[in-house]
Amino acid sequence: FETGRWDDALVELAAVDEALQEPAAACCDFGIAAVIRFHRGEIAAARGYLAAAAPHADRLGHRLIPQLALAHSLDHEHTGAFPEALTALTGAFDEISEEIELENLLPDVVRLAARTGDLELAQSLAGQAAKLAKGSEIPHRQANALYCEGLLDHDAGRLVTAAARYQDAGRLLLAAKAYEAAAAEFLRADDRGRAREAFVQAVEAYTSIGAAADVARLRAAFRAHGIHRGPHSRHRRAVSGWDSLTDTEVKVAGMVAEGQSNPEIAAKLMLSRRTVSTHVSHILKKLGVASRTDIARESALRTVSPR
């Protein structure tokens, strides 16, 4: 999820047996799935995950599960209720026992606090991000501090640096948010050239993880200023056929073509057998075929046919 391999994350989540999970793990998994769906504009599916998480969350009382809190916050953002989105993240801060759980929420809390005018909270938490980053070589901690400071100081250059550090850490969603914020600050300073450059980088980052809702929102916002997606932006990925397969699905398809069984594939890719089975099901559906033999045939065609 954090590194942007959202298709694989959803497959892993689908393979989990909810009945065997303890409440916190279930809330975490449903929260991740909901966050992905909200960013992809699949609102009904996202809210379905929130509903599924509710009974597990009730068993936890006031304990905050960061991933589920992010999902509830996004639900409020979708309706334009930004103060409520902020409260969804801060409402149970006192219940957080792990430092890492708090730091994963800092970028969004500071962003929402600044947006809603709660500068005291934003500055306080930006200070926490800076404290965590001090003397640390961990890229995402450095990026968090740069992002929070850049937001509060309206420093576009610092936000671009934050985006680069998030990319170093493999955190593409946060990199996209940092580029988006930088584009807005460049536009605020009437530097349209650099605004467009940061805008395109944000669109590219959102597109790479399939965050269609963010791409649409960003393009609409900047279209009003005469800034459009550049000619070198990525094309939307196919939804069917071989080109719609994820990298992991291509690997699985190749191993199926070699005659390997699901248990053998699971062992080699270090996945559960249930996850591999889900991958195979998705491959069959995307290719519009009915058997493993058909997968092998499609794989062979891709091998012998020039692109």
Protein backbone atom coordinates (compact mmCIF):
# COMPACT_ATOMS: atom_id res chain seq x y z
CA PHE A 1 0.00 0.00 0.00
CA GLU A 2 2.65 2.53 1.02
CA THR A 3 4.81 1.88 -2.04
CA GLY A 4 1.89 2.32 -4.44
CA ARG A 5 1.43 -1.32 -5.48
CA TRP A 6 -2.27 -0.96 -4.85
CA ASP A 7 -3.48 -3.68 -7.20
CA ASP A 8 -1.30 -6.19 -5.39
CA ALA A 9 -2.42 -4.80 -2.03
CA LEU A 10 -6.07 -5.37 -2.92
CA VAL A 11 -5.32 -8.93 -4.02
CA GLU A 12 -3.57 -9.63 -0.71
CA LEU A 13 -6.50 -8.14 1.21
CA ALA A 14 -9.02 -10.20 -0.75
CA ALA A 15 -7.11 -13.35 0.18
CA VAL A 16 -7.31 -12.69 3.93
CA ASP A 17 -9.80 -14.71 5.97
CA GLU A 18 -11.59 -12.05 8.02
CA ALA A 19 -12.95 -14.65 10.44
CA LEU A 20 -9.41 -15.47 11.58
CA GLN A 21 -8.35 -11.86 12.18
CA GLU A 22 -8.30 -9.99 15.46
CA PRO A 23 -10.19 -6.64 15.40
CA ALA A 24 -7.21 -4.31 14.96
CA ALA A 25 -5.89 -6.26 11.98
CA ALA A 26 -9.34 -6.34 10.37
CA CYS A 27 -9.72 -2.57 10.84
CA CYS A 28 -6.28 -2.01 9.34
CA ASP A 29 -7.07 -4.14 6.29
CA PHE A 30 -10.52 -2.67 5.69
CA GLY A 31 -9.04 0.80 6.18
CA ILE A 32 -6.34 0.24 3.55
CA ALA A 33 -8.88 -1.13 1.08
CA ALA A 34 -11.20 1.84 1.69
CA VAL A 35 -8.39 4.39 1.27
CA ILE A 36 -7.44 2.86 -2.08
CA ARG A 37 -11.06 2.85 -3.27
CA PHE A 38 -11.61 6.48 -2.22
CA HIS A 39 -8.50 7.58 -4.15
CA ARG A 40 -9.75 5.64 -7.16
CA GLY A 41 -13.17 7.28 -7.01
CA GLU A 42 -14.97 4.05 -6.09
CA ILE A 43 -16.96 5.65 -3.30
CA ALA A 44 -19.62 2.98 -2.79
CA ALA A 45 -17.00 0.24 -2.53
CA ALA A 46 -14.95 2.34 -0.10
CA ARG A 47 -17.94 2.95 2.16
CA GLY A 48 -18.71 -0.76 2.00
CA TYR A 49 -15.31 -1.44 3.56
CA LEU A 50 -15.99 1.16 6.25
CA ALA A 51 -19.27 -0.57 7.07
CA ALA A 52 -17.49 -3.93 7.23
CA ALA A 53 -14.91 -2.47 9.62
CA ALA A 54 -17.51 -0.96 11.97
CA PRO A 55 -18.22 -4.03 14.15
CA HIS A 56 -14.48 -4.65 14.56
CA ALA A 57 -13.89 -0.99 15.45
CA ASP A 58 -16.67 -1.15 18.06
CA ARG A 59 -14.78 -3.94 19.81
CA LEU A 60 -11.68 -1.73 20.02
CA GLY A 61 -13.46 1.17 21.73
CA HIS A 62 -11.46 4.42 21.39
CA ARG A 63 -8.31 2.82 20.02
CA LEU A 64 -7.26 4.59 16.82
CA ILE A 65 -6.22 2.48 13.83
CA PRO A 66 -4.38 4.91 11.50
CA GLN A 67 -5.42 3.26 8.24
CA LEU A 68 -9.09 3.23 9.20
CA ALA A 69 -8.87 6.82 10.48
CA LEU A 70 -7.42 7.89 7.11
CA ALA A 71 -10.31 6.19 5.34
CA HIS A 72 -12.93 7.97 7.47
CA SER A 73 -11.08 11.24 6.91
CA LEU A 74 -11.15 10.73 3.14
CA ASP A 75 -14.88 10.02 3.32
CA HIS A 76 -15.40 13.44 4.92
CA GLU A 77 -13.08 15.12 2.41
CA HIS A 78 -15.12 13.63 -0.41
CA THR A 79 -18.16 15.55 0.84
CA GLY A 80 -16.18 18.74 1.47
CA ALA A 81 -16.41 18.40 5.26
CA PHE A 82 -12.79 19.31 6.01
CA PRO A 83 -13.14 20.06 9.76
CA GLU A 84 -14.73 16.63 10.21
CA ALA A 85 -11.95 15.10 8.12
CA LEU A 86 -9.41 16.62 10.51
CA THR A 87 -11.32 15.38 13.57
CA ALA A 88 -11.36 11.85 12.14
CA LEU A 89 -7.56 11.88 12.35
CA THR A 90 -7.05 13.70 15.63
CA GLY A 91 -10.02 12.44 17.65
CA ALA A 92 -8.08 9.66 19.35
CA PHE A 93 -4.49 10.89 19.28
CA ASP A 94 -4.14 10.15 22.99
CA GLU A 95 -4.77 6.48 22.26
CA ILE A 96 -1.79 6.15 19.91
CA SER A 97 0.95 4.17 21.62
CA GLU A 98 3.39 3.76 18.73
CA GLU A 99 5.39 6.69 17.38
CA ILE A 100 5.30 5.24 13.88
CA GLU A 101 1.49 5.28 13.91
CA LEU A 102 1.48 9.00 14.66
CA GLU A 103 4.12 9.92 12.09
CA ASN A 104 2.16 8.20 9.33
CA LEU A 105 -0.74 10.58 10.04
CA LEU A 106 1.31 13.78 10.36
CA PRO A 107 1.31 14.88 6.68
CA ASP A 108 -2.48 14.66 6.33
CA VAL A 109 -3.20 16.17 9.75
CA VAL A 110 -0.96 19.17 9.05
CA ARG A 111 -2.47 19.58 5.57
CA LEU A 112 -6.03 19.53 6.91
CA ALA A 113 -5.20 21.69 9.92
CA ALA A 114 -3.68 24.33 7.63
CA ARG A 115 -6.66 24.14 5.29
CA THR A 116 -9.17 24.59 8.11
CA GLY A 117 -7.22 27.44 9.70
CA ASP A 118 -6.06 25.56 12.81
CA LEU A 119 -2.52 26.87 12.52
CA GLU A 120 -1.68 26.17 16.15
CA LEU A 121 -2.29 22.45 15.65
CA ALA A 122 -0.53 22.49 12.28
CA GLN A 123 2.57 24.16 13.72
CA SER A 124 2.63 21.85 16.73
CA LEU A 125 2.53 18.71 14.60
CA ALA A 126 4.97 20.13 12.06
CA GLY A 127 7.30 20.55 15.03
CA GLN A 128 6.84 16.87 15.87
CA ALA A 129 7.68 15.94 12.29
CA ALA A 130 10.83 18.08 12.47
CA LYS A 131 11.81 16.44 15.78
CA LEU A 132 11.45 12.96 14.29
CA ALA A 133 13.51 13.97 11.25
CA LYS A 134 16.32 15.58 13.24
CA GLY A 135 19.44 13.44 12.88
CA SER A 136 17.50 10.81 10.94
CA GLU A 137 18.55 9.41 7.56
CA ILE A 138 15.14 7.81 6.99
CA PRO A 139 13.81 9.37 3.74
CA HIS A 140 10.11 9.48 4.67
CA ARG A 141 10.86 11.18 7.99
CA GLN A 142 12.90 13.83 6.22
CA ALA A 143 10.11 14.17 3.66
CA ASN A 144 7.43 14.55 6.36
CA ALA A 145 9.32 17.43 7.96
CA LEU A 146 9.94 19.14 4.61
CA TYR A 147 6.31 18.70 3.54
CA CYS A 148 4.85 20.06 6.76
CA GLU A 149 7.24 23.02 6.84
CA GLY A 150 6.67 23.70 3.15
CA LEU A 151 2.90 23.79 3.63
CA LEU A 152 3.07 26.22 6.55
CA ASP A 153 5.73 28.46 4.99
CA HIS A 154 4.15 28.37 1.49
CA ASP A 155 7.58 27.24 0.26
CA ALA A 156 7.15 25.57 -3.14
CA GLY A 157 10.83 24.64 -3.42
CA ARG A 158 10.76 22.82 -0.10
CA LEU A 159 7.63 20.95 -1.17
CA VAL A 160 9.36 19.79 -4.37
CA THR A 161 12.27 18.55 -2.25
CA ALA A 162 9.79 16.76 0.00
CA ALA A 163 8.25 15.07 -3.05
CA ALA A 164 11.68 13.86 -4.16
CA ARG A 165 12.40 12.42 -0.70
CA TYR A 166 9.01 10.70 -0.65
CA GLN A 167 9.92 9.15 -4.00
CA ASP A 168 13.24 8.01 -2.53
CA ALA A 169 11.20 6.31 0.19
CA GLY A 170 8.89 4.74 -2.39
CA ARG A 171 5.85 6.59 -1.01
CA LEU A 172 4.18 7.65 -4.23
CA LEU A 173 0.89 8.90 -2.81
CA LEU A 174 2.65 11.34 -0.50
CA ALA A 175 5.00 12.34 -3.33
CA ALA A 176 1.96 13.18 -5.45
CA LYS A 177 0.46 15.25 -2.63
CA ALA A 178 3.73 17.15 -2.20
CA TYR A 179 3.98 17.89 -5.93
CA GLU A 180 0.35 19.01 -5.91
CA ALA A 181 1.00 21.38 -3.00
CA ALA A 182 4.13 22.70 -4.73
CA ALA A 183 2.16 23.36 -7.93
CA ALA A 184 -0.40 25.35 -5.95
CA GLU A 185 2.33 27.43 -4.29
CA PHE A 186 4.10 28.12 -7.59
CA LEU A 187 0.76 29.23 -9.02
CA ARG A 188 0.23 31.43 -5.96
CA ALA A 189 3.59 33.07 -6.74
CA ASP A 190 2.56 33.47 -10.40
CA ASP A 191 5.34 31.13 -11.56
CA ARG A 192 3.21 29.32 -14.13
CA GLY A 193 6.06 27.43 -15.74
CA ARG A 194 7.14 25.71 -12.54
CA ALA A 195 3.52 25.33 -11.49
CA ARG A 196 2.82 23.36 -14.65
CA GLU A 197 5.95 21.23 -14.14
CA ALA A 198 4.94 20.31 -10.58
CA PHE A 199 1.36 19.75 -11.72
CA VAL A 200 2.48 17.24 -14.38
CA GLN A 201 4.66 15.42 -11.84
CA ALA A 202 1.70 15.20 -9.47
CA VAL A 203 -0.55 13.83 -12.21
CA GLU A 204 2.11 11.29 -13.17
CA ALA A 205 2.49 10.12 -9.58
CA TYR A 206 -1.26 9.83 -9.00
CA THR A 207 -1.69 8.03 -12.32
CA SER A 208 1.07 5.52 -11.52
CA ILE A 209 -0.90 4.20 -8.53
CA GLY A 210 -4.29 4.41 -10.22
CA ALA A 211 -5.59 7.29 -8.09
CA ALA A 212 -8.13 8.31 -10.74
CA ALA A 213 -10.18 10.51 -8.39
CA ASP A 214 -7.12 12.58 -7.50
CA VAL A 215 -6.13 12.93 -11.15
CA ALA A 216 -9.62 14.18 -12.06
CA ARG A 217 -9.73 16.57 -9.11
CA LEU A 218 -6.27 17.97 -9.84
CA ARG A 219 -6.88 18.41 -13.54
CA ALA A 220 -10.17 20.22 -12.89
CA ALA A 221 -8.55 22.57 -10.37
CA PHE A 222 -5.66 23.54 -12.65
CA ARG A 223 -7.74 23.67 -15.82
CA ALA A 224 -9.38 26.75 -14.32
CA HIS A 225 -5.95 28.40 -14.46
CA GLY A 226 -5.27 27.30 -18.03
CA ILE A 227 -2.86 24.56 -17.01
CA HIS A 228 -3.40 21.17 -18.64
CA ARG A 229 -1.86 17.74 -18.49
CA GLY A 230 1.35 17.58 -20.54
CA PRO A 231 1.84 15.54 -23.72
CA HIS A 232 4.34 13.23 -22.02
CA SER A 233 1.98 12.12 -19.28
CA ARG A 234 1.25 8.43 -18.90
CA HIS A 235 -1.71 6.96 -20.72
CA ARG A 236 -4.46 5.36 -18.70
CA ARG A 237 -3.79 1.66 -18.22
CA ALA A 238 -5.95 -0.82 -20.09
CA VAL A 239 -8.74 -2.48 -18.12
CA SER A 240 -8.76 -5.74 -20.09
CA GLY A 241 -6.37 -7.84 -22.16
CA TRP A 242 -2.72 -8.60 -21.54
CA ASP A 243 -1.76 -4.94 -21.12
CA SER A 244 -4.15 -4.65 -18.17
CA LEU A 245 -2.19 -7.19 -16.12
CA THR A 246 -0.14 -5.90 -13.20
CA ASP A 247 3.55 -6.76 -12.95
CA THR A 248 2.78 -9.51 -10.45
CA GLU A 249 0.02 -10.91 -12.66
CA VAL A 250 2.43 -11.04 -15.61
CA LYS A 251 4.86 -13.05 -13.46
CA VAL A 252 2.11 -15.41 -12.35
CA ALA A 253 0.85 -15.83 -15.92
CA GLY A 254 4.36 -16.71 -17.09
CA MET A 255 4.71 -19.31 -14.35
CA VAL A 256 1.30 -20.76 -15.21
CA ALA A 257 2.48 -21.00 -18.83
CA GLU A 258 5.50 -22.97 -17.61
CA GLY A 259 3.13 -25.50 -16.08
CA GLN A 260 3.73 -24.56 -12.46
CA SER A 261 0.98 -25.20 -9.94
CA ASN A 262 -0.42 -22.59 -7.56
CA PRO A 263 1.52 -24.04 -4.59
CA GLU A 264 4.76 -23.92 -6.62
CA ILE A 265 4.09 -20.32 -7.68
CA ALA A 266 3.25 -19.37 -4.10
CA ALA A 267 6.53 -20.80 -2.83
CA LYS A 268 8.64 -19.06 -5.48
CA LEU A 269 6.94 -15.66 -5.11
CA MET A 270 6.61 -15.97 -1.32
CA LEU A 271 2.85 -15.46 -1.46
CA SER A 272 0.05 -17.44 0.11
CA ARG A 273 -1.67 -20.05 -2.06
CA ARG A 274 -4.92 -18.12 -1.64
CA THR A 275 -3.27 -14.96 -2.97
CA VAL A 276 -1.93 -16.81 -6.01
CA SER A 277 -5.38 -18.28 -6.64
CA THR A 278 -6.82 -14.75 -6.57
CA HIS A 279 -4.16 -13.57 -9.04
CA VAL A 280 -5.00 -16.44 -11.40
CA SER A 281 -8.72 -15.60 -11.18
CA HIS A 282 -7.99 -11.96 -12.05
CA ILE A 283 -5.80 -13.01 -14.99
CA LEU A 284 -8.56 -15.24 -16.37
CA LYS A 285 -11.08 -12.43 -16.05
CA LYS A 286 -8.86 -9.77 -17.62
CA LEU A 287 -7.90 -12.00 -20.53
CA GLY A 288 -11.48 -13.20 -21.01
CA VAL A 289 -10.44 -16.86 -20.95
CA ALA A 290 -11.55 -19.91 -18.98
CA SER A 291 -8.53 -22.09 -18.25
CA ARG A 292 -4.84 -22.18 -17.37
CA THR A 293 -4.20 -23.56 -20.86
CA ASP A 294 -5.70 -20.38 -22.29
CA ILE A 295 -3.37 -18.31 -20.09
CA ALA A 296 -0.42 -20.30 -21.43
CA ARG A 297 -1.58 -19.68 -25.00
CA GLU A 298 -1.89 -15.93 -24.42
CA SER A 299 1.52 -15.87 -22.78
CA ALA A 300 3.05 -17.70 -25.74
CA LEU A 301 1.49 -15.23 -28.17
CA ARG A 302 3.03 -12.33 -26.26
CA THR A 303 6.41 -14.06 -26.38
CA VAL A 304 6.48 -14.70 -30.13
CA SER A 305 4.63 -11.59 -31.34
CA PRO A 306 6.52 -8.31 -31.74
CA ARG A 307 5.16 -5.37 -29.76
